[in-house]
N, C-alpha and C. Protein backbone atom coordinates (compact mmCIF):
# COMPACT_ATOMS: atom_id res chain seq x y z
N MET A 1 -17.67 13.34 -56.51
CA MET A 1 -18.99 13.46 -55.95
C MET A 1 -19.77 12.14 -56.09
N ASN A 2 -19.68 11.52 -57.22
CA ASN A 2 -20.35 10.26 -57.47
C ASN A 2 -19.78 9.15 -56.58
N ASN A 3 -18.45 9.17 -56.37
CA ASN A 3 -17.82 8.19 -55.50
C ASN A 3 -18.31 8.34 -54.07
N ASN A 4 -18.54 9.57 -53.61
CA ASN A 4 -19.05 9.79 -52.26
C ASN A 4 -20.42 9.18 -52.08
N LYS A 5 -21.28 9.31 -53.07
CA LYS A 5 -22.62 8.72 -53.00
C LYS A 5 -22.53 7.20 -52.89
N ILE A 6 -21.67 6.62 -53.68
CA ILE A 6 -21.49 5.16 -53.67
C ILE A 6 -20.97 4.71 -52.30
N ILE A 7 -20.01 5.44 -51.76
CA ILE A 7 -19.45 5.10 -50.45
C ILE A 7 -20.52 5.20 -49.38
N TRP A 8 -21.35 6.26 -49.40
CA TRP A 8 -22.40 6.42 -48.41
C TRP A 8 -23.47 5.33 -48.54
N ILE A 9 -23.83 5.02 -49.74
CA ILE A 9 -24.82 3.95 -49.96
C ILE A 9 -24.26 2.62 -49.45
N ALA A 10 -23.00 2.34 -49.76
CA ALA A 10 -22.37 1.10 -49.28
C ALA A 10 -22.31 1.09 -47.76
N PHE A 11 -22.00 2.24 -47.17
CA PHE A 11 -21.92 2.34 -45.71
C PHE A 11 -23.28 2.07 -45.08
N VAL A 12 -24.32 2.68 -45.61
CA VAL A 12 -25.67 2.49 -45.07
C VAL A 12 -26.10 1.03 -45.21
N LEU A 13 -25.81 0.42 -46.35
CA LEU A 13 -26.14 -1.00 -46.55
C LEU A 13 -25.39 -1.89 -45.56
N LEU A 14 -24.14 -1.57 -45.32
CA LEU A 14 -23.34 -2.34 -44.36
C LEU A 14 -23.92 -2.22 -42.95
N VAL A 15 -24.30 -1.01 -42.56
CA VAL A 15 -24.91 -0.81 -41.24
C VAL A 15 -26.22 -1.58 -41.14
N LEU A 16 -27.05 -1.51 -42.16
CA LEU A 16 -28.32 -2.25 -42.15
C LEU A 16 -28.10 -3.75 -42.07
N LEU A 17 -27.10 -4.25 -42.77
CA LEU A 17 -26.78 -5.68 -42.71
C LEU A 17 -26.33 -6.08 -41.32
N GLN A 18 -25.53 -5.23 -40.69
CA GLN A 18 -25.05 -5.53 -39.33
C GLN A 18 -26.20 -5.51 -38.33
N LEU A 19 -27.20 -4.71 -38.55
CA LEU A 19 -28.36 -4.69 -37.67
C LEU A 19 -29.30 -5.86 -37.97
N TRP A 20 -29.41 -6.21 -39.25
CA TRP A 20 -30.33 -7.27 -39.66
C TRP A 20 -29.88 -8.64 -39.13
N ALA A 21 -28.58 -8.93 -39.16
CA ALA A 21 -28.09 -10.27 -38.78
C ALA A 21 -28.48 -10.64 -37.34
N PRO A 22 -28.14 -9.85 -36.33
CA PRO A 22 -28.55 -10.25 -34.98
C PRO A 22 -30.06 -10.16 -34.77
N ALA A 23 -30.70 -9.20 -35.41
CA ALA A 23 -32.16 -9.07 -35.27
C ALA A 23 -32.87 -10.31 -35.82
N SER A 24 -32.40 -10.85 -36.93
CA SER A 24 -33.04 -12.04 -37.50
C SER A 24 -32.83 -13.26 -36.61
N MET A 25 -31.65 -13.38 -35.98
CA MET A 25 -31.41 -14.49 -35.06
C MET A 25 -32.32 -14.39 -33.84
N ILE A 26 -32.46 -13.18 -33.31
CA ILE A 26 -33.33 -12.98 -32.15
C ILE A 26 -34.78 -13.27 -32.53
N PHE A 27 -35.22 -12.77 -33.66
CA PHE A 27 -36.59 -12.98 -34.11
C PHE A 27 -36.89 -14.47 -34.28
N LYS A 28 -35.95 -15.21 -34.85
CA LYS A 28 -36.14 -16.64 -35.08
C LYS A 28 -36.33 -17.38 -33.75
N ARG A 29 -35.48 -17.08 -32.76
CA ARG A 29 -35.60 -17.73 -31.45
C ARG A 29 -36.90 -17.33 -30.75
N GLU A 30 -37.25 -16.06 -30.82
CA GLU A 30 -38.49 -15.59 -30.20
C GLU A 30 -39.70 -16.24 -30.86
N SER A 31 -39.65 -16.43 -32.16
CA SER A 31 -40.73 -17.09 -32.87
C SER A 31 -40.89 -18.53 -32.40
N VAL A 32 -39.78 -19.23 -32.19
CA VAL A 32 -39.84 -20.61 -31.69
C VAL A 32 -40.42 -20.61 -30.28
N LEU A 33 -39.97 -19.68 -29.42
CA LEU A 33 -40.49 -19.63 -28.06
C LEU A 33 -41.98 -19.32 -28.03
N LYS A 34 -42.43 -18.45 -28.92
CA LYS A 34 -43.83 -18.04 -28.92
C LYS A 34 -44.74 -19.09 -29.55
N ASN A 35 -44.30 -19.69 -30.67
CA ASN A 35 -45.18 -20.57 -31.44
C ASN A 35 -44.75 -22.03 -31.47
N GLY A 36 -43.63 -22.37 -30.85
CA GLY A 36 -43.12 -23.73 -30.91
C GLY A 36 -43.90 -24.70 -30.04
N LYS A 37 -43.79 -25.97 -30.37
CA LYS A 37 -44.43 -27.02 -29.58
C LYS A 37 -43.51 -27.37 -28.41
N VAL A 38 -44.09 -27.59 -27.24
CA VAL A 38 -43.32 -27.85 -26.03
C VAL A 38 -42.98 -29.34 -25.93
N PHE A 39 -41.70 -29.61 -25.65
CA PHE A 39 -41.24 -30.96 -25.34
C PHE A 39 -40.45 -30.90 -24.05
N LYS A 40 -40.66 -31.89 -23.18
CA LYS A 40 -39.90 -31.98 -21.94
C LYS A 40 -38.86 -33.08 -22.11
N PHE A 41 -37.60 -32.75 -21.88
CA PHE A 41 -36.51 -33.71 -21.98
C PHE A 41 -36.01 -34.03 -20.58
N ARG A 42 -36.04 -35.30 -20.20
CA ARG A 42 -35.48 -35.70 -18.91
C ARG A 42 -33.98 -35.46 -18.93
N THR A 43 -33.50 -34.87 -17.85
CA THR A 43 -32.06 -34.64 -17.76
C THR A 43 -31.43 -35.75 -16.95
N ALA A 44 -30.13 -35.90 -17.13
CA ALA A 44 -29.36 -36.93 -16.45
C ALA A 44 -28.33 -36.24 -15.57
N PRO A 45 -27.78 -36.97 -14.59
CA PRO A 45 -26.74 -36.37 -13.75
C PRO A 45 -25.55 -35.93 -14.60
N VAL A 46 -24.90 -34.88 -14.13
CA VAL A 46 -23.74 -34.35 -14.84
C VAL A 46 -22.47 -34.76 -14.12
N ASP A 47 -21.37 -34.72 -14.85
CA ASP A 47 -20.07 -34.98 -14.27
C ASP A 47 -19.69 -33.80 -13.39
N PRO A 48 -19.54 -33.99 -12.07
CA PRO A 48 -19.29 -32.86 -11.19
C PRO A 48 -17.95 -32.17 -11.43
N ASN A 49 -17.06 -32.77 -12.23
CA ASN A 49 -15.78 -32.13 -12.48
C ASN A 49 -15.88 -30.97 -13.46
N ASP A 50 -16.89 -30.97 -14.32
CA ASP A 50 -17.03 -29.89 -15.29
C ASP A 50 -18.50 -29.56 -15.56
N PRO A 51 -19.28 -29.29 -14.51
CA PRO A 51 -20.70 -29.05 -14.74
C PRO A 51 -21.03 -27.62 -15.11
N PHE A 52 -20.11 -26.71 -14.96
CA PHE A 52 -20.46 -25.30 -15.09
C PHE A 52 -19.34 -24.52 -15.75
N ARG A 53 -19.64 -23.86 -16.81
CA ARG A 53 -18.63 -23.05 -17.51
C ARG A 53 -19.21 -21.65 -17.65
N GLY A 54 -18.64 -20.72 -16.93
CA GLY A 54 -19.13 -19.36 -17.03
C GLY A 54 -20.45 -19.21 -16.32
N LYS A 55 -21.46 -18.71 -17.02
CA LYS A 55 -22.74 -18.39 -16.41
C LYS A 55 -23.85 -19.27 -16.97
N TYR A 56 -23.60 -20.53 -17.11
CA TYR A 56 -24.65 -21.43 -17.57
C TYR A 56 -24.47 -22.81 -16.96
N ILE A 57 -25.55 -23.56 -16.96
CA ILE A 57 -25.54 -24.93 -16.46
C ILE A 57 -25.42 -25.86 -17.65
N VAL A 58 -24.53 -26.83 -17.55
CA VAL A 58 -24.40 -27.84 -18.60
C VAL A 58 -25.41 -28.94 -18.32
N LEU A 59 -26.22 -29.27 -19.32
CA LEU A 59 -27.24 -30.29 -19.17
C LEU A 59 -26.86 -31.54 -19.95
N ARG A 60 -27.22 -32.67 -19.41
CA ARG A 60 -27.13 -33.94 -20.13
C ARG A 60 -28.53 -34.53 -20.12
N PHE A 61 -28.82 -35.35 -21.12
CA PHE A 61 -30.18 -35.85 -21.28
C PHE A 61 -30.21 -37.37 -21.27
N ASP A 62 -31.27 -37.90 -20.65
CA ASP A 62 -31.45 -39.36 -20.60
C ASP A 62 -31.60 -39.94 -22.00
N ASP A 63 -32.46 -39.37 -22.78
CA ASP A 63 -32.74 -39.91 -24.11
C ASP A 63 -31.89 -39.18 -25.14
N ASN A 64 -30.73 -39.75 -25.43
CA ASN A 64 -29.83 -39.11 -26.40
C ASN A 64 -29.29 -40.11 -27.42
N SER A 65 -29.91 -41.29 -27.51
CA SER A 65 -29.43 -42.26 -28.49
C SER A 65 -30.60 -42.89 -29.23
N TYR A 66 -30.28 -43.39 -30.40
CA TYR A 66 -31.27 -44.02 -31.27
C TYR A 66 -30.65 -45.26 -31.87
N VAL A 67 -31.41 -46.36 -31.90
CA VAL A 67 -30.92 -47.60 -32.49
C VAL A 67 -31.16 -47.53 -34.00
N ASN A 68 -30.10 -47.68 -34.76
CA ASN A 68 -30.15 -47.60 -36.22
C ASN A 68 -30.76 -48.88 -36.79
N LYS A 69 -32.07 -48.86 -36.96
CA LYS A 69 -32.78 -50.04 -37.47
C LYS A 69 -32.71 -50.12 -38.99
N GLU A 70 -32.48 -49.00 -39.62
CA GLU A 70 -32.50 -48.95 -41.08
C GLU A 70 -31.16 -49.28 -41.72
N ASN A 71 -30.14 -49.50 -40.91
CA ASN A 71 -28.78 -49.77 -41.39
C ASN A 71 -28.26 -48.69 -42.33
N ILE A 72 -28.57 -47.44 -41.99
CA ILE A 72 -28.05 -46.29 -42.74
C ILE A 72 -26.71 -45.92 -42.14
N SER A 73 -25.79 -45.50 -42.97
CA SER A 73 -24.47 -45.11 -42.50
C SER A 73 -24.51 -43.70 -41.92
N TRP A 74 -24.04 -43.55 -40.70
CA TRP A 74 -24.00 -42.26 -40.02
C TRP A 74 -22.56 -41.94 -39.64
N GLU A 75 -22.22 -40.66 -39.63
CA GLU A 75 -20.85 -40.24 -39.30
C GLU A 75 -20.87 -39.28 -38.13
N ASN A 76 -19.82 -39.33 -37.31
CA ASN A 76 -19.67 -38.39 -36.20
C ASN A 76 -19.69 -36.96 -36.73
N GLY A 77 -20.46 -36.09 -36.07
CA GLY A 77 -20.52 -34.68 -36.45
C GLY A 77 -21.49 -34.38 -37.59
N GLU A 78 -22.11 -35.39 -38.15
CA GLU A 78 -23.04 -35.20 -39.27
C GLU A 78 -24.31 -34.50 -38.80
N ASN A 79 -24.82 -33.56 -39.60
CA ASN A 79 -26.09 -32.90 -39.30
C ASN A 79 -27.22 -33.88 -39.54
N VAL A 80 -28.17 -33.91 -38.60
CA VAL A 80 -29.33 -34.79 -38.71
C VAL A 80 -30.57 -34.05 -38.24
N PHE A 81 -31.71 -34.60 -38.58
CA PHE A 81 -32.98 -34.11 -38.07
C PHE A 81 -33.57 -35.21 -37.20
N VAL A 82 -33.80 -34.91 -35.94
CA VAL A 82 -34.30 -35.87 -34.96
C VAL A 82 -35.81 -35.66 -34.82
N LYS A 83 -36.56 -36.67 -35.23
CA LYS A 83 -38.02 -36.61 -35.11
C LYS A 83 -38.38 -37.04 -33.70
N LEU A 84 -39.27 -36.27 -33.06
CA LEU A 84 -39.61 -36.50 -31.66
C LEU A 84 -41.01 -37.06 -31.51
N THR A 85 -41.19 -37.77 -30.42
CA THR A 85 -42.49 -38.22 -29.95
C THR A 85 -42.43 -38.08 -28.42
N THR A 86 -43.49 -38.47 -27.74
CA THR A 86 -43.47 -38.42 -26.28
C THR A 86 -43.81 -39.79 -25.72
N ASP A 87 -43.26 -40.06 -24.53
CA ASP A 87 -43.57 -41.32 -23.86
C ASP A 87 -44.87 -41.16 -23.07
N THR A 88 -45.25 -42.19 -22.33
CA THR A 88 -46.52 -42.15 -21.59
C THR A 88 -46.52 -41.11 -20.48
N ALA A 89 -45.35 -40.72 -20.00
CA ALA A 89 -45.25 -39.70 -18.95
C ALA A 89 -45.17 -38.29 -19.52
N GLY A 90 -45.15 -38.17 -20.85
CA GLY A 90 -45.12 -36.85 -21.48
C GLY A 90 -43.74 -36.31 -21.77
N PHE A 91 -42.73 -37.15 -21.67
CA PHE A 91 -41.36 -36.70 -21.93
C PHE A 91 -40.94 -37.06 -23.36
N ALA A 92 -40.07 -36.24 -23.91
CA ALA A 92 -39.61 -36.41 -25.29
C ALA A 92 -38.85 -37.71 -25.47
N LYS A 93 -39.08 -38.33 -26.61
CA LYS A 93 -38.35 -39.54 -27.03
C LYS A 93 -37.98 -39.37 -28.48
N ILE A 94 -36.88 -39.99 -28.86
CA ILE A 94 -36.48 -39.97 -30.26
C ILE A 94 -37.30 -41.01 -31.01
N ALA A 95 -38.04 -40.57 -32.01
CA ALA A 95 -38.84 -41.48 -32.83
C ALA A 95 -38.01 -42.01 -34.00
N SER A 96 -37.24 -41.12 -34.62
CA SER A 96 -36.39 -41.51 -35.76
C SER A 96 -35.41 -40.38 -36.03
N ILE A 97 -34.41 -40.68 -36.84
CA ILE A 97 -33.49 -39.63 -37.28
C ILE A 97 -33.41 -39.67 -38.80
N HIS A 98 -33.17 -38.49 -39.36
CA HIS A 98 -33.19 -38.36 -40.82
C HIS A 98 -32.02 -37.49 -41.27
N LYS A 99 -31.54 -37.78 -42.45
CA LYS A 99 -30.45 -36.97 -43.03
C LYS A 99 -30.98 -35.66 -43.60
N LYS A 100 -32.26 -35.64 -44.00
CA LYS A 100 -32.87 -34.44 -44.56
C LYS A 100 -34.10 -34.07 -43.74
N TYR A 101 -34.45 -32.79 -43.78
CA TYR A 101 -35.62 -32.31 -43.05
C TYR A 101 -36.87 -33.04 -43.55
N PRO A 102 -37.59 -33.70 -42.65
CA PRO A 102 -38.75 -34.48 -43.09
C PRO A 102 -39.97 -33.65 -43.47
N GLY A 103 -39.89 -32.35 -43.35
CA GLY A 103 -40.97 -31.48 -43.80
C GLY A 103 -41.80 -30.92 -42.67
N ALA A 104 -42.56 -29.89 -43.00
CA ALA A 104 -43.42 -29.22 -42.02
C ALA A 104 -44.42 -30.22 -41.46
N GLY A 105 -44.85 -29.96 -40.24
CA GLY A 105 -45.80 -30.84 -39.59
C GLY A 105 -45.14 -31.95 -38.80
N ASN A 106 -43.83 -32.08 -38.93
CA ASN A 106 -43.08 -33.06 -38.16
C ASN A 106 -42.39 -32.34 -37.01
N ASP A 107 -42.50 -32.91 -35.83
CA ASP A 107 -41.82 -32.34 -34.66
C ASP A 107 -40.39 -32.86 -34.67
N CYS A 108 -39.49 -32.06 -35.22
CA CYS A 108 -38.12 -32.51 -35.30
C CYS A 108 -37.16 -31.37 -34.97
N ILE A 109 -35.95 -31.75 -34.61
CA ILE A 109 -34.91 -30.81 -34.21
C ILE A 109 -33.67 -31.08 -35.06
N LYS A 110 -33.08 -30.00 -35.57
CA LYS A 110 -31.80 -30.14 -36.26
C LYS A 110 -30.72 -30.29 -35.19
N ALA A 111 -29.96 -31.37 -35.28
CA ALA A 111 -28.91 -31.68 -34.30
C ALA A 111 -27.72 -32.25 -35.04
N LYS A 112 -26.79 -32.81 -34.29
CA LYS A 112 -25.62 -33.46 -34.87
C LYS A 112 -25.46 -34.85 -34.27
N VAL A 113 -24.83 -35.72 -35.04
CA VAL A 113 -24.46 -37.02 -34.50
C VAL A 113 -23.25 -36.79 -33.62
N ASP A 114 -23.38 -37.10 -32.34
CA ASP A 114 -22.24 -36.96 -31.42
C ASP A 114 -21.23 -38.04 -31.74
N TYR A 115 -21.69 -39.29 -31.72
CA TYR A 115 -20.86 -40.41 -32.14
C TYR A 115 -21.72 -41.63 -32.41
N VAL A 116 -21.16 -42.55 -33.13
CA VAL A 116 -21.84 -43.80 -33.44
C VAL A 116 -21.25 -44.86 -32.53
N GLY A 117 -22.12 -45.66 -31.89
CA GLY A 117 -21.66 -46.69 -30.95
C GLY A 117 -20.67 -47.65 -31.59
N TYR A 118 -19.64 -47.99 -30.86
CA TYR A 118 -18.59 -48.84 -31.39
C TYR A 118 -18.93 -50.32 -31.33
N ASP A 119 -19.79 -50.72 -30.40
CA ASP A 119 -20.06 -52.14 -30.22
C ASP A 119 -20.70 -52.80 -31.44
N SER A 120 -21.78 -52.24 -31.91
CA SER A 120 -22.45 -52.86 -33.05
C SER A 120 -22.71 -51.86 -34.17
N LEU A 121 -22.28 -50.64 -33.98
CA LEU A 121 -22.52 -49.56 -34.93
C LEU A 121 -24.02 -49.35 -35.18
N LYS A 122 -24.82 -49.71 -34.20
CA LYS A 122 -26.26 -49.53 -34.32
C LYS A 122 -26.75 -48.33 -33.51
N ASN A 123 -26.10 -47.99 -32.42
CA ASN A 123 -26.53 -46.85 -31.60
C ASN A 123 -25.94 -45.56 -32.14
N ILE A 124 -26.81 -44.60 -32.35
CA ILE A 124 -26.37 -43.27 -32.79
C ILE A 124 -26.67 -42.33 -31.64
N PHE A 125 -25.63 -41.67 -31.14
CA PHE A 125 -25.78 -40.74 -30.02
C PHE A 125 -25.89 -39.32 -30.56
N ILE A 126 -26.86 -38.59 -30.04
CA ILE A 126 -27.21 -37.26 -30.53
C ILE A 126 -26.56 -36.18 -29.68
N ASP A 127 -26.03 -35.17 -30.35
CA ASP A 127 -25.51 -33.97 -29.69
C ASP A 127 -26.60 -32.91 -29.83
N TRP A 128 -27.39 -32.73 -28.76
CA TRP A 128 -28.51 -31.79 -28.80
C TRP A 128 -27.99 -30.36 -28.87
N PRO A 129 -28.72 -29.47 -29.54
CA PRO A 129 -28.27 -28.08 -29.66
C PRO A 129 -28.61 -27.22 -28.44
N PHE A 130 -29.14 -27.81 -27.38
CA PHE A 130 -29.58 -27.03 -26.21
C PHE A 130 -29.03 -27.64 -24.93
N VAL A 131 -27.73 -27.73 -24.81
CA VAL A 131 -27.11 -28.33 -23.63
C VAL A 131 -26.66 -27.30 -22.60
N ARG A 132 -26.89 -26.03 -22.86
CA ARG A 132 -26.50 -24.98 -21.92
C ARG A 132 -27.72 -24.16 -21.55
N PHE A 133 -27.90 -23.97 -20.25
CA PHE A 133 -28.97 -23.12 -19.76
C PHE A 133 -28.34 -21.89 -19.12
N TYR A 134 -28.48 -20.75 -19.78
CA TYR A 134 -27.87 -19.52 -19.31
C TYR A 134 -28.73 -18.88 -18.23
N MET A 135 -28.05 -18.32 -17.24
CA MET A 135 -28.74 -17.72 -16.10
C MET A 135 -28.08 -16.42 -15.70
N GLU A 136 -28.79 -15.70 -14.86
CA GLU A 136 -28.23 -14.49 -14.26
C GLU A 136 -27.02 -14.91 -13.40
N GLU A 137 -25.94 -14.18 -13.51
CA GLU A 137 -24.68 -14.54 -12.86
C GLU A 137 -24.82 -14.76 -11.36
N SER A 138 -25.60 -13.94 -10.68
CA SER A 138 -25.71 -14.04 -9.22
C SER A 138 -26.43 -15.32 -8.77
N LYS A 139 -27.21 -15.93 -9.66
CA LYS A 139 -27.97 -17.14 -9.30
C LYS A 139 -27.35 -18.41 -9.85
N ALA A 140 -26.39 -18.28 -10.72
CA ALA A 140 -25.86 -19.43 -11.45
C ALA A 140 -25.23 -20.48 -10.54
N ASN A 141 -24.41 -20.09 -9.58
CA ASN A 141 -23.73 -21.06 -8.74
C ASN A 141 -24.72 -21.85 -7.89
N ALA A 142 -25.69 -21.17 -7.29
CA ALA A 142 -26.70 -21.86 -6.49
C ALA A 142 -27.55 -22.78 -7.36
N ALA A 143 -27.87 -22.35 -8.57
CA ALA A 143 -28.65 -23.19 -9.49
C ALA A 143 -27.85 -24.43 -9.89
N GLU A 144 -26.58 -24.24 -10.14
CA GLU A 144 -25.72 -25.38 -10.48
C GLU A 144 -25.74 -26.42 -9.36
N GLN A 145 -25.56 -25.97 -8.15
CA GLN A 145 -25.55 -26.90 -7.01
C GLN A 145 -26.90 -27.60 -6.84
N ALA A 146 -27.98 -26.86 -6.99
CA ALA A 146 -29.32 -27.45 -6.87
C ALA A 146 -29.56 -28.48 -7.97
N TYR A 147 -29.13 -28.16 -9.18
CA TYR A 147 -29.32 -29.07 -10.31
C TYR A 147 -28.51 -30.35 -10.12
N ILE A 148 -27.25 -30.23 -9.72
CA ILE A 148 -26.40 -31.41 -9.52
C ILE A 148 -27.01 -32.31 -8.45
N LYS A 149 -27.42 -31.70 -7.34
CA LYS A 149 -28.01 -32.48 -6.24
C LYS A 149 -29.29 -33.18 -6.69
N ALA A 150 -30.18 -32.45 -7.36
CA ALA A 150 -31.46 -33.02 -7.78
C ALA A 150 -31.29 -34.08 -8.87
N SER A 151 -30.42 -33.85 -9.84
CA SER A 151 -30.28 -34.81 -10.94
C SER A 151 -29.57 -36.08 -10.50
N SER A 152 -28.84 -36.01 -9.39
CA SER A 152 -28.17 -37.20 -8.86
C SER A 152 -29.09 -38.01 -7.95
N ASP A 153 -30.21 -37.46 -7.56
CA ASP A 153 -31.16 -38.11 -6.66
C ASP A 153 -32.29 -38.71 -7.48
N SER A 154 -32.41 -40.03 -7.46
CA SER A 154 -33.43 -40.70 -8.27
C SER A 154 -34.86 -40.40 -7.80
N ASN A 155 -35.01 -39.84 -6.61
CA ASN A 155 -36.34 -39.48 -6.12
C ASN A 155 -36.80 -38.11 -6.60
N GLN A 156 -35.92 -37.39 -7.28
CA GLN A 156 -36.27 -36.06 -7.77
C GLN A 156 -36.33 -36.09 -9.29
N LEU A 157 -37.21 -35.29 -9.83
CA LEU A 157 -37.40 -35.22 -11.28
C LEU A 157 -36.77 -33.93 -11.80
N THR A 158 -35.84 -34.08 -12.73
CA THR A 158 -35.25 -32.91 -13.39
C THR A 158 -35.50 -33.04 -14.88
N PHE A 159 -35.89 -31.94 -15.49
CA PHE A 159 -36.10 -31.96 -16.93
C PHE A 159 -35.94 -30.56 -17.50
N ALA A 160 -35.73 -30.52 -18.80
CA ALA A 160 -35.61 -29.26 -19.54
C ALA A 160 -36.84 -29.11 -20.41
N MET A 161 -37.41 -27.91 -20.44
CA MET A 161 -38.53 -27.63 -21.32
C MET A 161 -37.97 -26.95 -22.57
N VAL A 162 -38.20 -27.59 -23.70
CA VAL A 162 -37.66 -27.14 -24.98
C VAL A 162 -38.82 -26.88 -25.93
N LYS A 163 -38.78 -25.76 -26.62
CA LYS A 163 -39.80 -25.47 -27.62
C LYS A 163 -39.21 -25.78 -29.00
N VAL A 164 -40.02 -26.41 -29.84
CA VAL A 164 -39.58 -26.90 -31.14
C VAL A 164 -40.50 -26.36 -32.23
N LYS A 165 -39.87 -25.86 -33.31
CA LYS A 165 -40.64 -25.36 -34.45
C LYS A 165 -39.77 -25.44 -35.70
N ASN A 166 -40.25 -26.14 -36.71
CA ASN A 166 -39.59 -26.21 -38.03
C ASN A 166 -38.11 -26.58 -37.94
N GLY A 167 -37.76 -27.52 -37.10
CA GLY A 167 -36.38 -27.97 -36.99
C GLY A 167 -35.54 -27.20 -35.99
N ASP A 168 -36.03 -26.06 -35.51
CA ASP A 168 -35.31 -25.27 -34.53
C ASP A 168 -35.79 -25.63 -33.13
N ALA A 169 -34.89 -25.52 -32.16
CA ALA A 169 -35.22 -25.82 -30.78
C ALA A 169 -34.62 -24.74 -29.89
N VAL A 170 -35.40 -24.31 -28.89
CA VAL A 170 -34.93 -23.31 -27.94
C VAL A 170 -35.23 -23.83 -26.54
N LEU A 171 -34.21 -23.85 -25.70
CA LEU A 171 -34.35 -24.27 -24.31
C LEU A 171 -35.03 -23.14 -23.54
N GLU A 172 -36.23 -23.42 -23.04
CA GLU A 172 -36.99 -22.38 -22.35
C GLU A 172 -36.68 -22.31 -20.86
N ASN A 173 -36.60 -23.48 -20.21
CA ASN A 173 -36.35 -23.48 -18.77
C ASN A 173 -35.91 -24.86 -18.33
N VAL A 174 -35.35 -24.92 -17.13
CA VAL A 174 -34.96 -26.18 -16.50
C VAL A 174 -35.79 -26.30 -15.23
N PHE A 175 -36.30 -27.50 -14.98
CA PHE A 175 -37.19 -27.73 -13.85
C PHE A 175 -36.63 -28.77 -12.90
N ILE A 176 -36.88 -28.55 -11.62
CA ILE A 176 -36.60 -29.54 -10.58
C ILE A 176 -37.93 -29.79 -9.89
N ASN A 177 -38.40 -31.03 -9.95
CA ASN A 177 -39.69 -31.41 -9.37
C ASN A 177 -40.81 -30.48 -9.82
N ASN A 178 -40.89 -30.27 -11.12
CA ASN A 178 -41.93 -29.47 -11.77
C ASN A 178 -41.93 -27.99 -11.39
N LYS A 179 -40.83 -27.51 -10.81
CA LYS A 179 -40.69 -26.09 -10.49
C LYS A 179 -39.49 -25.54 -11.24
N PRO A 180 -39.61 -24.33 -11.80
CA PRO A 180 -38.45 -23.74 -12.48
C PRO A 180 -37.25 -23.68 -11.53
N ILE A 181 -36.07 -23.89 -12.09
CA ILE A 181 -34.86 -23.97 -11.27
C ILE A 181 -34.64 -22.71 -10.44
N VAL A 182 -35.04 -21.57 -10.96
CA VAL A 182 -34.86 -20.32 -10.22
C VAL A 182 -35.64 -20.34 -8.91
N THR A 183 -36.84 -20.93 -8.90
CA THR A 183 -37.61 -20.99 -7.66
C THR A 183 -37.01 -21.99 -6.67
N SER A 184 -36.22 -22.95 -7.18
CA SER A 184 -35.58 -23.92 -6.30
C SER A 184 -34.44 -23.30 -5.50
N ILE A 185 -33.93 -22.17 -5.98
CA ILE A 185 -32.79 -21.56 -5.28
C ILE A 185 -33.18 -20.33 -4.49
N LYS A 186 -34.44 -19.87 -4.61
CA LYS A 186 -34.90 -18.70 -3.83
C LYS A 186 -35.20 -19.14 -2.41
N LYS A 187 -34.59 -18.47 -1.47
CA LYS A 187 -34.83 -18.79 -0.05
C LYS A 187 -34.82 -17.56 0.79
């Protein structure tokens, strides 16, 4: 009888843990979307050979490198915190990178070092945590085509709107000429 109680208690705790894990991930992302600071990241043209995997658009970003002025040693795949600022047009720029979280009040994103430049070992390339924009399956192919066309045309502006809070970043939307990508494909 006592063993049955222990088994039931363990079972209930296991079920609660399984519900808590995805709920906490969802809550964290929703909190960033609701309370995070908005940054616009200029996107760059994508390689047309592999721009789309499944039901999302692969994004590349113009500003993805930082010149290592401090002569700190960085390694490929290393976790970093990228401190952000904005340029005169209002787009995100890398202000600095740090090995440790610089603390609350700093607009920074936890990311990874994609690779360190081979020429002078001064350029550090960032692997942003928001390179995929998921979409409804029926609209994904048209959105992919619109994005590729717009990002390859220097007369069109493409960017991703990312919300940032306490080191976390959530990709909110992708824009073509200041319009959400979904409106670019509605006809």
